[in-house]
Amino acid sequence: MKSTFQDVVSYLQRVPEDRLEALNKLRNLCLGTLQGYQECMDYGVPCYKRNGIVEVAFASQKNCISLYILKQDVVSTNKDLLKGLKMGKACIRYNKPAKIDFGIVKQLLIGTHKSKRRVC
């Protein structure tokens, strides 16, 4: 769901109800784990920036929830944990909210926070 919303709260008010709980959990994990990051809307989706650079984002798409982990080293290090999921270079797609393993998501966020690498 690409949007023109100015803030994450407004974005979340418009997502399909069956995804709202999962998206709120993603948001809360990002806020709790990514200390020192700025939450904002960029590219039409909720993003988390450090030093002005987006490192993490999530979105409610037409057929899935997408999680963007833009530090390629973090995705590569955890690729075994992501087996069976549809993925792009930095995008992890969950076709059902129930398939999101929030423990793995937290691990990805911690890895992102610790990574010194550039985003892809």
Protein backbone atom coordinates (compact mmCIF):
# COMPACT_ATOMS: atom_id res chain seq x y z
CA MET A 1 0.00 0.00 0.00
CA LYS A 2 1.94 3.04 -1.20
CA SER A 3 0.69 6.09 0.53
CA THR A 4 0.97 9.83 0.92
CA PHE A 5 0.48 9.73 4.68
CA GLN A 6 2.66 12.09 6.67
CA ASP A 7 3.10 9.85 9.72
CA VAL A 8 3.16 6.18 10.69
CA VAL A 9 0.02 6.38 12.85
CA SER A 10 -2.03 7.62 9.88
CA TYR A 11 -0.53 4.90 7.69
CA LEU A 12 -1.47 2.17 10.17
CA GLN A 13 -5.04 3.46 10.46
CA ARG A 14 -5.54 2.58 6.78
CA VAL A 15 -4.08 -0.94 6.60
CA PRO A 16 -6.36 -3.99 6.29
CA GLU A 17 -7.62 -5.04 9.70
CA ASP A 18 -6.21 -8.57 9.41
CA ARG A 19 -2.69 -7.06 9.18
CA LEU A 20 -2.94 -4.35 11.80
CA GLU A 21 -1.79 -6.42 14.78
CA ALA A 22 1.28 -7.72 12.92
CA LEU A 23 2.19 -4.27 11.61
CA ASN A 24 1.85 -2.76 15.09
CA LYS A 25 4.16 -5.50 16.41
CA LEU A 26 6.68 -4.72 13.67
CA ARG A 27 6.51 -1.03 14.53
CA ASN A 28 6.93 -1.64 18.25
CA LEU A 29 9.90 -3.95 17.64
CA CYS A 30 11.52 -1.28 15.46
CA LEU A 31 10.91 1.45 18.03
CA GLY A 32 12.21 -0.71 20.87
CA THR A 33 15.23 -2.17 19.09
CA LEU A 34 16.45 0.60 16.82
CA GLN A 35 17.52 3.07 19.49
CA GLY A 36 18.87 6.30 17.98
CA TYR A 37 16.89 5.87 14.76
CA GLN A 38 14.28 8.28 13.47
CA GLU A 39 10.86 6.89 12.59
CA CYS A 40 9.44 8.59 9.52
CA MET A 41 7.47 8.09 6.35
CA ASP A 42 9.64 7.80 3.26
CA TYR A 43 8.95 6.16 -0.09
CA GLY A 44 5.31 6.04 1.07
CA VAL A 45 6.01 3.54 3.89
CA PRO A 46 7.16 3.56 7.53
CA CYS A 47 10.96 3.81 7.69
CA TYR A 48 13.67 3.89 10.31
CA LYS A 49 16.65 6.11 9.58
CA ARG A 50 20.04 6.42 11.19
CA ASN A 51 22.11 9.46 10.30
CA GLY A 52 19.53 10.35 7.64
CA ILE A 53 19.74 6.98 5.84
CA VAL A 54 16.87 4.48 5.75
CA GLU A 55 18.06 1.12 7.12
CA VAL A 56 14.72 -0.59 7.87
CA ALA A 57 11.19 -0.21 6.53
CA PHE A 58 7.95 -2.15 6.37
CA ALA A 59 4.87 -1.98 4.21
CA SER A 60 1.44 -3.41 3.71
CA GLN A 61 1.46 -4.42 0.05
CA LYS A 62 -1.43 -5.77 -2.01
CA ASN A 63 -0.59 -9.44 -1.37
CA CYS A 64 1.84 -9.37 1.53
CA ILE A 65 3.56 -7.58 4.35
CA SER A 66 7.06 -6.57 3.31
CA LEU A 67 9.96 -6.02 5.67
CA TYR A 68 12.97 -4.20 4.24
CA ILE A 69 16.32 -4.87 5.88
CA LEU A 70 18.68 -2.70 3.89
CA LYS A 71 21.94 -3.96 5.37
CA GLN A 72 22.80 -6.83 3.04
CA ASP A 73 25.28 -8.34 5.52
CA VAL A 74 22.45 -8.80 8.03
CA VAL A 75 20.23 -10.58 5.48
CA SER A 76 23.13 -12.79 4.34
CA THR A 77 24.11 -13.72 7.90
CA ASN A 78 20.53 -14.78 8.69
CA LYS A 79 19.58 -16.37 5.35
CA ASP A 80 19.10 -19.83 6.91
CA LEU A 81 16.45 -18.38 9.24
CA LEU A 82 14.61 -16.92 6.26
CA LYS A 83 14.34 -20.12 4.21
CA GLY A 84 10.93 -20.66 2.69
CA LEU A 85 10.10 -16.96 2.53
CA LYS A 86 9.85 -14.97 -0.67
CA MET A 87 12.69 -12.51 -0.77
CA GLY A 88 14.24 -9.81 -2.89
CA LYS A 89 17.64 -8.26 -2.37
CA ALA A 90 16.56 -6.47 0.81
CA CYS A 91 12.86 -7.36 0.98
CA ILE A 92 11.32 -10.17 2.99
CA ARG A 93 7.71 -10.89 2.02
CA TYR A 94 5.20 -12.48 4.34
CA ASN A 95 2.06 -13.54 2.51
CA LYS A 96 0.23 -14.07 5.82
CA PRO A 97 0.72 -12.09 9.03
CA ALA A 98 0.81 -15.35 11.01
CA LYS A 99 3.99 -16.37 9.17
CA ILE A 100 6.01 -13.53 10.69
CA ASP A 101 8.46 -14.87 13.26
CA PHE A 102 8.96 -11.82 15.46
CA GLY A 103 11.95 -13.44 17.17
CA ILE A 104 13.75 -13.59 13.83
CA VAL A 105 12.64 -10.04 13.02
CA LYS A 106 14.13 -8.85 16.30
CA GLN A 107 17.38 -10.64 15.45
CA LEU A 108 17.46 -8.86 12.07
CA LEU A 109 16.85 -5.51 13.74
CA ILE A 110 19.60 -6.10 16.31
CA GLY A 111 21.94 -7.08 13.48
CA THR A 112 21.02 -3.93 11.59
CA HIS A 113 21.69 -1.78 14.64
CA LYS A 114 25.12 -3.39 15.14
CA SER A 115 26.14 -3.42 11.47
CA LYS A 116 28.72 -0.90 10.33
CA ARG A 117 28.12 -1.69 6.65
CA ARG A 118 26.42 0.57 4.14
CA VAL A 119 22.88 -0.04 2.97
CA CYS A 120 22.35 -1.81 -0.34
